[in-house]
Amino acid sequence: MFFIGPHVSIGGGVANAPGNARALGATGFGMFVKNQRQWSAAPYAAAEVEAFKSQMVAEGYTAAQVLPHAGYLINLANPDPEAHAKSMASLLDELRRCMALGLDKLNFHPGSHLRLITTEEACARVARSLNAALAETQGVTLVIENTAGSGGNLGSRFEEIRAILDGVDDKARVGVCLDTMHAFAAGFDLRTRDGFLKTMDHFDRTVGMPYLRGMHLNDSMVEFNSHKDRHESLGSGLLGLEVFRCIMKDERFENLPLVLETPNEDIWAQEIQQLKELAG
């Protein structure tokens, strides 16, 4: 089964997320576990945690169908000790929130070296950060997302993701999320079936398909190899529909959260149906 759905709102409380997804006909979904643009948030009340778990059961979702996303402020590659400490505290808080909710993954951007240290030093710094975070938590896999590569961001090259993975001690609790728009902007031409298959072969040889824990399905508002991060609705951008047809016809992507981060929430239900139709 393909676990398809958008990044749903947690407005009014995290317990609303499963119902928001089900209302769209989603078979999976993404969500934040706190405000993604703030360093901290009030702890969950016990009733809020229980309400979320009850709603997951009521709407028919399991943790396997959900890919939570960490806050945008976190930068584990930051060489400044104080700024890095804030990122670590925020990451640990979000990991513990996932643990409380019974969720088993947390997707995050690897961060930027800010052009202050080398890429190699930055990858090693991220890996050390993951080791420290994993040592203080249980049961949640940290999922590294590929990036478009702007502003010194790590993860636009699969080799950088591999370097981070190589430095992680507990490899059973680390994985990767592939974002189609980010890959296209980073120089992976996914517009044709041949290009898609070449990209996935490169990913498998460099990173390894067993590390794949989910995908973000987004069309692109910006040109190939632009290194800019601008999402577009499926079929309305410069990436086109063929890559999504390829994904939905490939059993390797079954039983993974396939999360829409497309900009027009008014057509999320149609995009979910579109993907289901592509799967046949």
Protein backbone atom coordinates (compact mmCIF):
# COMPACT_ATOMS: atom_id res chain seq x y z
CA MET A 1 0.00 0.00 0.00
CA PHE A 2 1.16 3.54 -0.75
CA PHE A 3 0.91 5.89 2.26
CA ILE A 4 -0.04 9.14 0.50
CA GLY A 5 -1.05 12.41 2.11
CA PRO A 6 -0.09 16.02 2.74
CA HIS A 7 1.66 17.75 5.58
CA VAL A 8 -1.48 18.33 7.65
CA SER A 9 -2.12 21.09 10.17
CA ILE A 10 -1.87 20.54 13.93
CA GLY A 11 -3.81 23.74 14.56
CA GLY A 12 -5.86 23.38 17.73
CA GLY A 13 -3.61 20.55 18.93
CA VAL A 14 -1.75 17.54 17.55
CA ALA A 15 -4.81 15.35 18.14
CA ASN A 16 -6.43 17.05 15.12
CA ALA A 17 -3.81 15.79 12.66
CA PRO A 18 -5.22 12.28 11.98
CA GLY A 19 -8.72 13.63 11.37
CA ASN A 20 -7.39 16.36 9.08
CA ALA A 21 -5.63 13.69 7.03
CA ARG A 22 -8.63 11.35 6.88
CA ALA A 23 -10.89 14.19 5.69
CA LEU A 24 -8.69 14.47 2.59
CA GLY A 25 -8.74 10.75 1.81
CA ALA A 26 -5.07 10.41 2.83
CA THR A 27 -3.53 7.00 3.47
CA GLY A 28 -0.55 8.61 5.22
CA PHE A 29 0.52 12.10 6.28
CA GLY A 30 3.22 14.44 7.50
CA MET A 31 2.97 16.77 10.50
CA PHE A 32 4.96 18.96 12.83
CA VAL A 33 5.03 18.07 16.51
CA LYS A 34 5.27 21.74 17.56
CA ASN A 35 5.43 25.12 15.85
CA GLN A 36 8.09 24.65 13.18
CA ARG A 37 9.32 28.24 13.38
CA GLN A 38 9.88 28.43 17.14
CA TRP A 39 12.67 26.99 19.27
CA SER A 40 10.43 25.76 22.06
CA ALA A 41 6.81 25.12 22.96
CA ALA A 42 4.78 24.17 26.01
CA PRO A 43 4.97 20.46 26.88
CA TYR A 44 2.09 18.24 25.84
CA ALA A 45 -0.58 17.66 28.43
CA ALA A 46 -1.23 13.99 29.13
CA ALA A 47 -4.76 14.38 27.78
CA GLU A 48 -3.42 15.75 24.49
CA VAL A 49 -1.13 12.74 24.02
CA GLU A 50 -3.95 10.30 24.75
CA ALA A 51 -6.29 12.17 22.40
CA PHE A 52 -3.73 11.91 19.58
CA LYS A 53 -3.27 8.18 20.11
CA SER A 54 -7.04 7.64 20.23
CA GLN A 55 -7.52 9.60 17.01
CA MET A 56 -4.79 7.61 15.27
CA VAL A 57 -6.69 4.41 16.08
CA ALA A 58 -10.07 5.92 15.24
CA GLU A 59 -8.91 7.14 11.83
CA GLY A 60 -7.04 3.93 11.04
CA TYR A 61 -3.45 5.17 10.97
CA THR A 62 -0.29 3.63 12.39
CA ALA A 63 3.12 5.20 13.01
CA ALA A 64 4.37 3.59 9.78
CA GLN A 65 2.09 5.93 7.81
CA VAL A 66 3.30 9.17 9.44
CA LEU A 67 6.45 11.20 8.78
CA PRO A 68 6.78 14.03 11.34
CA HIS A 69 8.98 16.94 10.32
CA ALA A 70 11.36 18.74 12.69
CA GLY A 71 11.39 22.53 13.00
CA TYR A 72 13.07 24.68 10.37
CA LEU A 73 15.38 26.49 12.82
CA ILE A 74 17.42 23.39 13.68
CA ASN A 75 20.94 23.44 12.21
CA LEU A 76 23.10 20.58 13.45
CA ALA A 77 26.00 21.70 11.23
CA ASN A 78 26.27 25.13 12.82
CA PRO A 79 29.86 25.59 14.06
CA ASP A 80 28.84 28.18 16.69
CA PRO A 81 28.62 26.34 20.03
CA GLU A 82 25.73 28.37 21.44
CA ALA A 83 23.64 28.17 18.26
CA HIS A 84 24.38 24.46 17.94
CA ALA A 85 23.29 23.87 21.53
CA LYS A 86 19.92 25.51 20.78
CA SER A 87 19.49 23.22 17.78
CA MET A 88 20.32 20.15 19.83
CA ALA A 89 17.87 21.13 22.57
CA SER A 90 15.12 21.65 20.01
CA LEU A 91 15.85 18.35 18.26
CA LEU A 92 15.80 16.44 21.55
CA ASP A 93 12.51 18.06 22.49
CA GLU A 94 10.96 17.00 19.19
CA LEU A 95 12.32 13.46 19.48
CA ARG A 96 10.76 13.19 22.93
CA ARG A 97 7.46 14.51 21.58
CA CYS A 98 7.51 11.80 18.92
CA MET A 99 8.22 9.21 21.63
CA ALA A 100 5.27 10.47 23.69
CA LEU A 101 2.93 10.32 20.67
CA GLY A 102 4.05 6.83 19.66
CA LEU A 103 5.60 8.03 16.39
CA ASP A 104 8.72 6.28 15.16
CA LYS A 105 10.37 8.76 12.75
CA LEU A 106 11.49 12.40 12.73
CA ASN A 107 12.49 13.99 9.43
CA PHE A 108 14.98 16.89 9.54
CA HIS A 109 17.15 19.02 7.27
CA PRO A 110 20.85 18.32 7.89
CA GLY A 111 21.68 22.00 8.15
CA SER A 112 24.17 24.48 6.74
CA HIS A 113 27.89 24.95 7.36
CA LEU A 114 27.23 28.69 6.79
CA ARG A 115 30.45 28.69 4.76
CA LEU A 116 32.40 28.79 8.02
CA ILE A 117 33.70 25.20 8.00
CA THR A 118 34.28 22.61 5.29
CA THR A 119 31.58 20.28 4.04
CA GLU A 120 33.49 17.34 5.53
CA GLU A 121 33.67 19.01 8.95
CA ALA A 122 29.99 19.88 8.76
CA CYS A 123 28.93 16.31 7.90
CA ALA A 124 31.00 15.00 10.81
CA ARG A 125 29.41 17.58 13.12
CA VAL A 126 25.92 16.47 12.08
CA ALA A 127 26.82 12.81 12.65
CA ARG A 128 28.14 13.55 16.14
CA SER A 129 24.94 15.45 16.87
CA LEU A 130 22.82 12.50 15.78
CA ASN A 131 24.84 10.16 17.98
CA ALA A 132 24.25 12.41 20.98
CA ALA A 133 20.52 12.74 20.27
CA LEU A 134 20.01 9.03 19.68
CA ALA A 135 21.86 8.17 22.89
CA GLU A 136 19.30 10.15 24.92
CA THR A 137 16.16 8.80 23.21
CA GLN A 138 14.58 5.52 22.18
CA GLY A 139 12.42 4.15 19.41
CA VAL A 140 12.53 7.09 16.98
CA THR A 141 14.53 7.03 13.74
CA LEU A 142 16.13 10.30 12.62
CA VAL A 143 15.45 10.78 8.91
CA ILE A 144 17.81 13.02 6.91
CA GLU A 145 16.18 14.96 4.06
CA ASN A 146 18.02 15.78 0.85
CA THR A 147 18.14 19.49 0.05
CA ALA A 148 18.33 21.83 -2.93
CA GLY A 149 21.79 22.90 -1.77
CA SER A 150 21.35 26.65 -1.35
CA GLY A 151 23.15 28.72 1.27
CA GLY A 152 25.71 26.11 2.25
CA ASN A 153 23.02 23.53 3.04
CA LEU A 154 24.23 19.95 3.27
CA GLY A 155 22.44 17.07 1.60
CA SER A 156 22.09 18.15 -2.02
CA ARG A 157 24.62 15.44 -2.92
CA PHE A 158 23.98 11.85 -1.92
CA GLU A 159 27.66 11.58 -1.00
CA GLU A 160 27.12 14.14 1.78
CA ILE A 161 24.21 12.12 3.16
CA ARG A 162 26.38 9.00 3.02
CA ALA A 163 29.14 10.79 4.93
CA ILE A 164 26.68 11.64 7.70
CA LEU A 165 25.34 8.09 7.84
CA ASP A 166 28.87 6.71 8.02
CA GLY A 167 29.45 8.70 11.20
CA VAL A 168 26.32 7.47 12.98
CA ASP A 169 26.86 4.63 15.45
CA ASP A 170 23.31 3.23 15.60
CA LYS A 171 22.52 2.83 11.91
CA ALA A 172 19.23 1.09 12.69
CA ARG A 173 17.89 4.46 13.88
CA VAL A 174 18.88 6.67 10.97
CA GLY A 175 17.32 6.94 7.53
CA VAL A 176 16.70 9.22 4.55
CA CYS A 177 13.75 11.11 3.06
CA LEU A 178 13.96 11.95 -0.64
CA ASP A 179 12.28 15.18 -1.76
CA THR A 180 11.60 15.20 -5.52
CA MET A 181 11.71 18.99 -5.87
CA HIS A 182 14.93 19.28 -3.88
CA ALA A 183 16.57 16.55 -5.97
CA PHE A 184 15.55 18.27 -9.22
CA ALA A 185 16.90 21.62 -8.00
CA ALA A 186 20.12 19.90 -6.88
CA GLY A 187 20.82 18.57 -10.39
CA PHE A 188 19.05 15.21 -10.56
CA ASP A 189 16.96 15.25 -13.73
CA LEU A 190 13.77 13.41 -12.77
CA ARG A 191 11.69 14.60 -15.73
CA THR A 192 11.90 11.27 -17.58
CA ARG A 193 11.67 7.62 -16.54
CA ASP A 194 15.30 7.11 -17.55
CA GLY A 195 16.40 10.05 -15.42
CA PHE A 196 14.37 8.81 -12.47
CA LEU A 197 15.84 5.32 -12.68
CA LYS A 198 19.39 6.70 -12.99
CA THR A 199 18.83 8.88 -9.92
CA MET A 200 17.48 5.99 -7.87
CA ASP A 201 20.36 3.79 -8.97
CA HIS A 202 22.81 6.49 -7.88
CA PHE A 203 20.96 6.77 -4.55
CA ASP A 204 21.09 3.01 -4.04
CA ARG A 205 24.81 2.78 -4.84
CA THR A 206 25.74 5.82 -2.74
CA VAL A 207 23.32 5.72 0.20
CA GLY A 208 21.42 2.41 -0.07
CA MET A 209 17.70 1.86 -0.62
CA PRO A 210 17.31 0.18 2.81
CA TYR A 211 17.88 3.62 4.37
CA LEU A 212 14.86 5.14 2.58
CA ARG A 213 12.17 5.94 5.17
CA GLY A 214 9.88 8.25 3.20
CA MET A 215 9.54 10.76 0.39
CA HIS A 216 8.29 14.29 -0.16
CA LEU A 217 6.38 14.51 -3.44
CA ASN A 218 6.60 18.04 -4.84
CA ASP A 219 6.73 19.60 -8.28
CA SER A 220 9.17 22.47 -8.86
CA MET A 221 8.56 26.16 -9.38
CA VAL A 222 12.24 26.64 -10.30
CA GLU A 223 14.46 25.33 -13.05
CA PHE A 224 16.60 22.20 -13.08
CA ASN A 225 19.86 22.54 -11.12
CA SER A 226 18.80 25.95 -9.77
CA HIS A 227 19.69 25.12 -6.13
CA LYS A 228 16.57 27.00 -5.03
CA ASP A 229 13.77 25.58 -2.88
CA ARG A 230 10.38 26.48 -4.39
CA HIS A 231 7.61 23.85 -4.36
CA GLU A 232 4.76 23.64 -6.87
CA SER A 233 1.56 21.60 -7.16
CA LEU A 234 1.86 18.25 -8.93
CA GLY A 235 1.90 18.63 -12.71
CA SER A 236 1.92 22.42 -12.53
CA GLY A 237 5.67 22.91 -12.34
CA LEU A 238 8.85 22.33 -14.31
CA LEU A 239 9.34 18.79 -13.01
CA GLY A 240 6.13 17.37 -14.47
CA LEU A 241 4.12 14.24 -13.70
CA GLU A 242 6.37 11.47 -15.04
CA VAL A 243 8.45 11.17 -11.86
CA PHE A 244 5.29 10.71 -9.78
CA ARG A 245 4.01 8.09 -12.21
CA CYS A 246 7.34 6.26 -11.83
CA ILE A 247 7.14 6.40 -8.02
CA MET A 248 3.55 5.19 -7.89
CA LYS A 249 4.37 2.24 -10.18
CA ASP A 250 7.41 1.16 -8.14
CA GLU A 251 6.88 -1.30 -5.28
CA ARG A 252 10.04 -0.03 -3.56
CA PHE A 253 8.01 2.97 -2.36
CA GLU A 254 5.13 1.01 -0.90
CA ASN A 255 4.68 1.11 2.88
CA LEU A 256 6.58 4.41 3.12
CA PRO A 257 5.06 7.82 3.91
CA LEU A 258 4.81 9.74 0.61
CA VAL A 259 4.12 13.27 1.82
CA LEU A 260 2.85 16.15 -0.28
CA GLU A 261 4.37 19.53 0.60
CA THR A 262 2.67 21.25 -2.32
CA PRO A 263 1.57 24.86 -1.82
CA ASN A 264 -2.17 24.79 -2.60
CA GLU A 265 -3.97 22.99 0.20
CA ASP A 266 -7.29 23.53 -1.59
CA ILE A 267 -6.33 20.80 -4.07
CA TRP A 268 -4.61 18.35 -1.73
CA ALA A 269 -7.53 15.92 -1.97
CA GLN A 270 -7.31 16.01 -5.78
CA GLU A 271 -3.55 15.48 -5.67
CA ILE A 272 -3.99 12.44 -3.40
CA GLN A 273 -6.54 11.03 -5.82
CA GLN A 274 -4.23 11.83 -8.75
CA LEU A 275 -1.43 9.82 -7.16
CA LYS A 276 -3.76 6.93 -6.41
CA GLU A 277 -4.82 6.90 -10.08
CA LEU A 278 -1.18 6.92 -11.20
CA ALA A 279 -0.67 3.84 -9.03
CA GLY A 280 -3.58 2.16 -10.78
